[in-house]
């Protein structure tokens, strides 16, 4: 369903509500920010369900205070209040929702916090922001082919970071599953409009043979979904660009979670932190970036 269709559906929900709205009603809402339109003072959000009111969908909302839009970037998880009256609705009290891993044991949580503090001490110049060009890089995929970001010029590229020995179903497995579902959601656009890159953070163990086995688990098409490995310093340097950190601990890796989307012009379009967004929300983000790129090309 397109954003326009969702907007029509949302208006229908307002019109067909069981009881007339005599006064403003307010609902707690949250989702992933898809677009920020400063000129029209609107945000587009892939919203989670609002129980008893609205199913999960992508919606555009006006924002009455333009300062609300300052420092908001696509890919940010946000909380906000949806204010609805008889004839209109708008987003109020929009605020970023920092990622917090609630399922770590206390020891691992402390280690994760130390890693976050280490990230915070980095030079801001190291980290890319939305709208900035992503530097080219070259790594080796599961078929032992050299793969460069620049070879996908004109396509939308999604990137995530995993290691194949990760035992947690809600960590690397979840991130890989997200890409597997993207591959199923956009079958006709894979390769033509969309490329998936999974970069491993444990290159000592994750070499092409093991990556090929891992890729088969996800039925990955090697022409459009590349699992990439390479020298550790190269991977560390690339991870720093996306504010992604990892370090070894008791034979495993403690790491942050980032899913990156790069637009057709090679610029960072979104950097989703954490693992608490849905695959549908990630797909909505990718769909929006593909559609915007096509619209820009048509102009």
Protein backbone atom coordinates (compact mmCIF):
# COMPACT_ATOMS: atom_id res chain seq x y z
CA UNK A 1 0.00 0.00 0.00
CA UNK A 2 1.39 3.40 -0.98
CA UNK A 3 1.76 6.36 1.38
CA UNK A 4 -1.06 8.13 -0.51
CA UNK A 5 -3.36 5.11 -0.13
CA UNK A 6 -2.54 4.92 3.55
CA UNK A 7 -3.38 8.60 3.92
CA UNK A 8 -6.75 8.01 2.27
CA UNK A 9 -7.34 5.05 4.56
CA UNK A 10 -6.43 7.14 7.57
CA UNK A 11 -8.88 9.88 6.58
CA UNK A 12 -11.54 7.22 6.11
CA UNK A 13 -10.89 5.99 9.64
CA UNK A 14 -11.51 9.52 10.87
CA UNK A 15 -14.75 9.85 8.90
CA UNK A 16 -16.09 6.39 9.72
CA UNK A 17 -15.22 6.40 13.40
CA UNK A 18 -17.87 4.91 15.66
CA UNK A 19 -18.42 8.20 17.48
CA UNK A 20 -17.98 11.82 16.37
CA UNK A 21 -14.95 13.59 17.77
CA UNK A 22 -16.22 16.58 19.70
CA UNK A 23 -12.78 17.37 21.12
CA UNK A 24 -9.20 16.58 20.32
CA UNK A 25 -8.03 13.11 21.20
CA UNK A 26 -4.41 12.18 21.73
CA UNK A 27 -2.75 8.82 21.06
CA UNK A 28 0.75 7.65 21.94
CA UNK A 29 2.53 6.65 18.72
CA UNK A 30 5.96 5.52 17.62
CA UNK A 31 7.72 4.42 14.49
CA UNK A 32 10.64 4.90 12.12
CA UNK A 33 11.06 8.28 10.47
CA UNK A 34 10.95 7.87 6.68
CA UNK A 35 11.02 11.46 5.44
CA UNK A 36 11.35 14.98 6.83
CA UNK A 37 9.83 17.72 4.69
CA UNK A 38 10.93 21.07 6.07
CA UNK A 39 9.17 23.11 3.39
CA UNK A 40 5.73 21.60 4.12
CA UNK A 41 6.37 20.99 7.85
CA UNK A 42 5.52 17.31 7.63
CA UNK A 43 7.06 14.01 8.63
CA UNK A 44 6.43 10.61 7.10
CA UNK A 45 6.55 7.77 9.60
CA UNK A 46 6.33 4.00 9.33
CA UNK A 47 4.13 3.65 12.40
CA UNK A 48 3.58 0.69 14.62
CA UNK A 49 0.00 -0.22 15.44
CA UNK A 50 -1.97 2.09 17.72
CA UNK A 51 -4.13 -0.50 19.51
CA UNK A 52 -7.82 0.13 19.12
CA UNK A 53 -7.31 2.99 16.67
CA UNK A 54 -4.98 2.40 13.70
CA UNK A 55 -3.17 -0.55 12.18
CA UNK A 56 0.53 -0.38 11.40
CA UNK A 57 1.05 1.76 8.30
CA UNK A 58 3.15 4.49 6.72
CA UNK A 59 1.61 7.93 7.19
CA UNK A 60 2.49 11.60 6.64
CA UNK A 61 1.70 13.97 9.50
CA UNK A 62 1.81 17.76 9.68
CA UNK A 63 3.91 19.23 12.47
CA UNK A 64 2.81 22.58 13.87
CA UNK A 65 6.10 23.59 15.47
CA UNK A 66 8.81 23.81 12.75
CA UNK A 67 11.52 23.55 15.41
CA UNK A 68 10.35 19.98 15.93
CA UNK A 69 12.00 19.06 12.63
CA UNK A 70 15.43 20.35 13.58
CA UNK A 71 18.05 17.61 13.84
CA UNK A 72 15.62 14.84 12.78
CA UNK A 73 16.98 12.43 10.18
CA UNK A 74 15.37 9.56 8.23
CA UNK A 75 15.93 6.23 9.94
CA UNK A 76 15.49 7.66 13.43
CA UNK A 77 13.15 5.85 15.79
CA UNK A 78 10.71 8.39 17.23
CA UNK A 79 7.94 8.66 19.78
CA UNK A 80 5.21 11.23 19.30
CA UNK A 81 1.64 12.13 20.17
CA UNK A 82 -0.95 11.83 17.41
CA UNK A 83 -3.52 14.57 18.01
CA UNK A 84 -6.84 14.06 16.22
CA UNK A 85 -9.81 16.40 16.17
CA UNK A 86 -12.96 16.50 14.03
CA UNK A 87 -11.33 17.79 10.87
CA UNK A 88 -7.59 17.29 11.16
CA UNK A 89 -4.71 15.51 12.78
CA UNK A 90 -1.07 16.32 13.48
CA UNK A 91 2.04 14.99 15.21
CA UNK A 92 2.99 16.64 18.47
CA UNK A 93 5.88 16.25 20.92
CA UNK A 94 8.04 14.41 18.39
CA UNK A 95 11.19 13.09 20.03
CA UNK A 96 13.92 10.64 19.04
CA UNK A 97 13.80 7.28 20.75
CA UNK A 98 17.38 6.16 21.56
CA UNK A 99 18.04 2.47 21.11
CA UNK A 100 18.22 0.55 24.37
CA UNK A 101 18.88 -3.17 24.40
CA UNK A 102 16.55 -4.45 27.09
CA UNK A 103 17.34 -8.14 26.69
CA UNK A 104 21.03 -8.13 27.68
CA UNK A 105 22.13 -9.71 30.91
CA UNK A 106 23.60 -7.21 33.43
CA UNK A 107 27.24 -8.04 32.66
CA UNK A 108 26.76 -7.79 28.91
CA UNK A 109 24.72 -4.61 29.34
CA UNK A 110 27.61 -2.98 31.20
CA UNK A 111 30.02 -4.00 28.46
CA UNK A 112 27.66 -2.62 25.84
CA UNK A 113 27.47 0.66 27.74
CA UNK A 114 31.26 0.90 27.77
CA UNK A 115 31.26 0.36 24.03
CA UNK A 116 28.69 3.12 23.56
CA UNK A 117 30.87 5.46 25.62
CA UNK A 118 33.82 4.59 23.40
CA UNK A 119 31.73 5.46 20.34
CA UNK A 120 30.84 8.82 21.88
CA UNK A 121 34.53 9.77 22.17
CA UNK A 122 35.17 9.40 18.46
CA UNK A 123 35.78 12.38 16.26
CA UNK A 124 32.52 13.58 14.76
CA UNK A 125 34.37 13.84 11.46
CA UNK A 126 34.61 10.03 11.33
CA UNK A 127 30.85 9.50 11.27
CA UNK A 128 28.70 10.05 8.19
CA UNK A 129 25.40 11.90 8.42
CA UNK A 130 22.33 11.68 6.22
CA UNK A 131 22.96 13.43 2.91
CA UNK A 132 26.72 12.94 2.91
CA UNK A 133 28.40 10.84 0.19
CA UNK A 134 29.56 7.40 1.28
CA UNK A 135 33.22 6.73 0.39
CA UNK A 136 33.90 3.83 -1.93
CA UNK A 137 35.13 0.55 -0.46
CA UNK A 138 36.07 -2.86 -1.85
CA UNK A 139 35.65 -6.23 -0.11
CA UNK A 140 35.32 -9.90 -1.15
CA UNK A 141 31.97 -11.70 -1.34
CA UNK A 142 30.85 -15.29 -0.81
CA UNK A 143 31.77 -16.20 -4.41
CA UNK A 144 35.31 -14.80 -3.95
CA UNK A 145 34.51 -11.87 -6.24
CA UNK A 146 35.80 -8.39 -5.43
CA UNK A 147 32.83 -6.10 -4.78
CA UNK A 148 32.98 -2.30 -4.64
CA UNK A 149 30.25 0.09 -3.57
CA UNK A 150 30.92 2.19 -6.68
CA UNK A 151 29.83 -0.63 -9.00
CA UNK A 152 26.26 -0.15 -7.74
CA UNK A 153 26.05 3.50 -8.74
CA UNK A 154 22.46 4.38 -9.62
CA UNK A 155 21.02 1.73 -7.28
CA UNK A 156 19.79 1.84 -3.69
CA UNK A 157 22.14 -0.13 -1.44
CA UNK A 158 21.22 -1.50 2.00
CA UNK A 159 24.02 -2.57 4.35
CA UNK A 160 24.07 -4.39 7.65
CA UNK A 161 26.82 -5.89 9.83
CA UNK A 162 26.88 -9.40 11.31
CA UNK A 163 29.12 -12.32 12.14
CA UNK A 164 28.05 -15.85 11.28
CA UNK A 165 28.85 -17.41 14.68
CA UNK A 166 26.51 -14.96 16.48
CA UNK A 167 24.22 -17.21 18.58
CA UNK A 168 21.43 -14.73 19.35
CA UNK A 169 18.24 -15.02 17.27
CA UNK A 170 17.41 -11.39 18.04
CA UNK A 171 20.82 -10.08 16.95
CA UNK A 172 22.67 -11.07 13.76
CA UNK A 173 20.07 -13.68 12.82
CA UNK A 174 17.36 -11.02 13.01
CA UNK A 175 19.37 -8.61 10.86
CA UNK A 176 19.93 -11.31 8.25
CA UNK A 177 16.27 -12.28 8.38
CA UNK A 178 15.38 -8.64 7.71
CA UNK A 179 17.39 -8.76 4.49
CA UNK A 180 15.90 -12.13 3.56
CA UNK A 181 12.44 -10.62 3.81
CA UNK A 182 13.54 -7.56 1.81
CA UNK A 183 14.66 -9.95 -0.92
CA UNK A 184 11.17 -11.47 -0.89
CA UNK A 185 9.37 -8.11 -0.73
CA UNK A 186 11.22 -6.60 -3.71
CA UNK A 187 11.82 -9.55 -6.06
CA UNK A 188 11.44 -7.56 -9.28
CA UNK A 189 13.62 -4.70 -8.00
CA UNK A 190 16.52 -6.75 -6.69
CA UNK A 191 19.56 -6.00 -8.82
CA UNK A 192 17.74 -3.39 -10.89
CA UNK A 193 16.93 -0.97 -8.08
CA UNK A 194 18.17 -2.60 -4.86
CA UNK A 195 21.37 -4.30 -3.71
CA UNK A 196 21.94 -5.89 -0.29
CA UNK A 197 25.37 -5.98 1.36
CA UNK A 198 25.99 -7.93 4.56
CA UNK A 199 29.43 -7.06 5.96
CA UNK A 200 31.00 -9.43 8.47
CA UNK A 201 32.78 -8.09 11.55
CA UNK A 202 34.67 -11.35 12.24
CA UNK A 203 36.78 -11.76 9.09
CA UNK A 204 39.18 -14.13 10.85
CA UNK A 205 36.46 -16.78 10.89
CA UNK A 206 34.11 -15.51 8.18
CA UNK A 207 35.84 -16.18 4.89
CA UNK A 208 34.11 -16.81 1.52
CA UNK A 209 33.47 -20.53 2.08
CA UNK A 210 31.70 -20.05 5.40
CA UNK A 211 29.88 -17.02 3.99
CA UNK A 212 28.65 -19.10 1.05
CA UNK A 213 27.22 -21.65 3.48
CA UNK A 214 25.61 -18.89 5.53
CA UNK A 215 24.19 -17.24 2.40
CA UNK A 216 22.51 -20.50 1.39
CA UNK A 217 20.67 -20.47 4.72
CA UNK A 218 18.94 -17.28 3.62
CA UNK A 219 18.50 -18.35 -0.02
CA UNK A 220 20.54 -15.30 -0.97
CA UNK A 221 20.93 -14.55 -4.66
CA UNK A 222 24.68 -13.96 -4.97
CA UNK A 223 24.09 -11.51 -7.82
CA UNK A 224 22.10 -9.11 -5.62
CA UNK A 225 22.90 -10.00 -2.00
CA UNK A 226 26.62 -10.01 -1.23
CA UNK A 227 28.14 -11.25 2.05
CA UNK A 228 31.43 -9.37 2.32
CA UNK A 229 34.67 -10.02 4.14
CA UNK A 230 38.13 -8.46 4.03
CA UNK A 231 41.03 -7.23 6.14
CA UNK A 232 39.96 -6.32 9.67
CA UNK A 233 41.39 -2.74 9.51
CA UNK A 234 39.32 -2.07 6.36
CA UNK A 235 36.16 -3.31 8.05
CA UNK A 236 36.85 -1.32 11.21
CA UNK A 237 37.40 1.84 9.17
CA UNK A 238 34.14 1.28 7.30
CA UNK A 239 32.22 0.56 10.51
CA UNK A 240 33.40 3.83 12.05
CA UNK A 241 31.82 5.70 9.16
CA UNK A 242 28.41 4.37 10.24
CA UNK A 243 28.93 4.73 14.00
CA UNK A 244 29.10 0.94 14.24
CA UNK A 245 31.36 -0.58 16.93
CA UNK A 246 32.38 -4.08 18.00
CA UNK A 247 34.96 -5.77 20.17
CA UNK A 248 35.83 -9.38 21.14
CA UNK A 249 34.66 -10.74 24.49
CA UNK A 250 34.99 -14.34 25.67
CA UNK A 251 35.20 -15.79 22.17
CA UNK A 252 32.24 -13.81 20.82
CA UNK A 253 31.75 -10.22 19.70
CA UNK A 254 29.89 -7.47 21.48
CA UNK A 255 28.60 -5.10 18.83
CA UNK A 256 26.16 -2.33 18.10
CA UNK A 257 23.42 -2.65 15.49
CA UNK A 258 23.20 -0.53 12.37
CA UNK A 259 21.28 -0.98 9.14
CA UNK A 260 22.32 1.54 6.53
CA UNK A 261 20.56 2.62 3.33
CA UNK A 262 22.43 4.49 0.58
CA UNK A 263 20.54 6.26 -2.20
CA UNK A 264 21.16 6.12 -5.95
CA UNK A 265 23.51 9.10 -5.77
CA UNK A 266 25.76 7.26 -3.30
CA UNK A 267 24.66 9.40 -0.35
CA UNK A 268 23.66 8.15 3.09
CA UNK A 269 19.86 8.11 3.13
CA UNK A 270 19.27 6.45 6.51
CA UNK A 271 21.14 4.81 9.38
CA UNK A 272 18.77 2.74 11.52
CA UNK A 273 20.19 1.92 14.93
CA UNK A 274 19.17 -1.10 16.96
CA UNK A 275 17.08 -4.18 16.35
CA UNK A 276 13.64 -3.10 17.56
CA UNK A 277 12.27 -1.87 14.24
CA UNK A 278 10.19 -4.25 12.15
CA UNK A 279 11.07 -5.66 8.75
CA UNK A 280 8.01 -3.86 7.39
CA UNK A 281 9.39 -0.55 8.64
CA UNK A 282 12.77 -1.24 7.03
CA UNK A 283 10.97 -2.16 3.80
CA UNK A 284 8.92 1.03 3.94
CA UNK A 285 12.14 3.01 4.28
CA UNK A 286 13.74 1.24 1.30
CA UNK A 287 10.59 1.64 -0.79
CA UNK A 288 10.46 5.36 -0.06
CA UNK A 289 14.11 5.85 -1.05
CA UNK A 290 13.63 3.89 -4.28
CA UNK A 291 10.48 5.88 -5.12
CA UNK A 292 12.10 9.23 -4.31
CA UNK A 293 15.07 8.39 -6.48
CA UNK A 294 12.80 7.51 -9.42
CA UNK A 295 10.83 10.72 -8.96
CA UNK A 296 14.03 12.77 -8.90
CA UNK A 297 15.22 11.04 -12.05
CA UNK A 298 11.94 11.77 -13.83
CA UNK A 299 12.33 15.46 -13.08
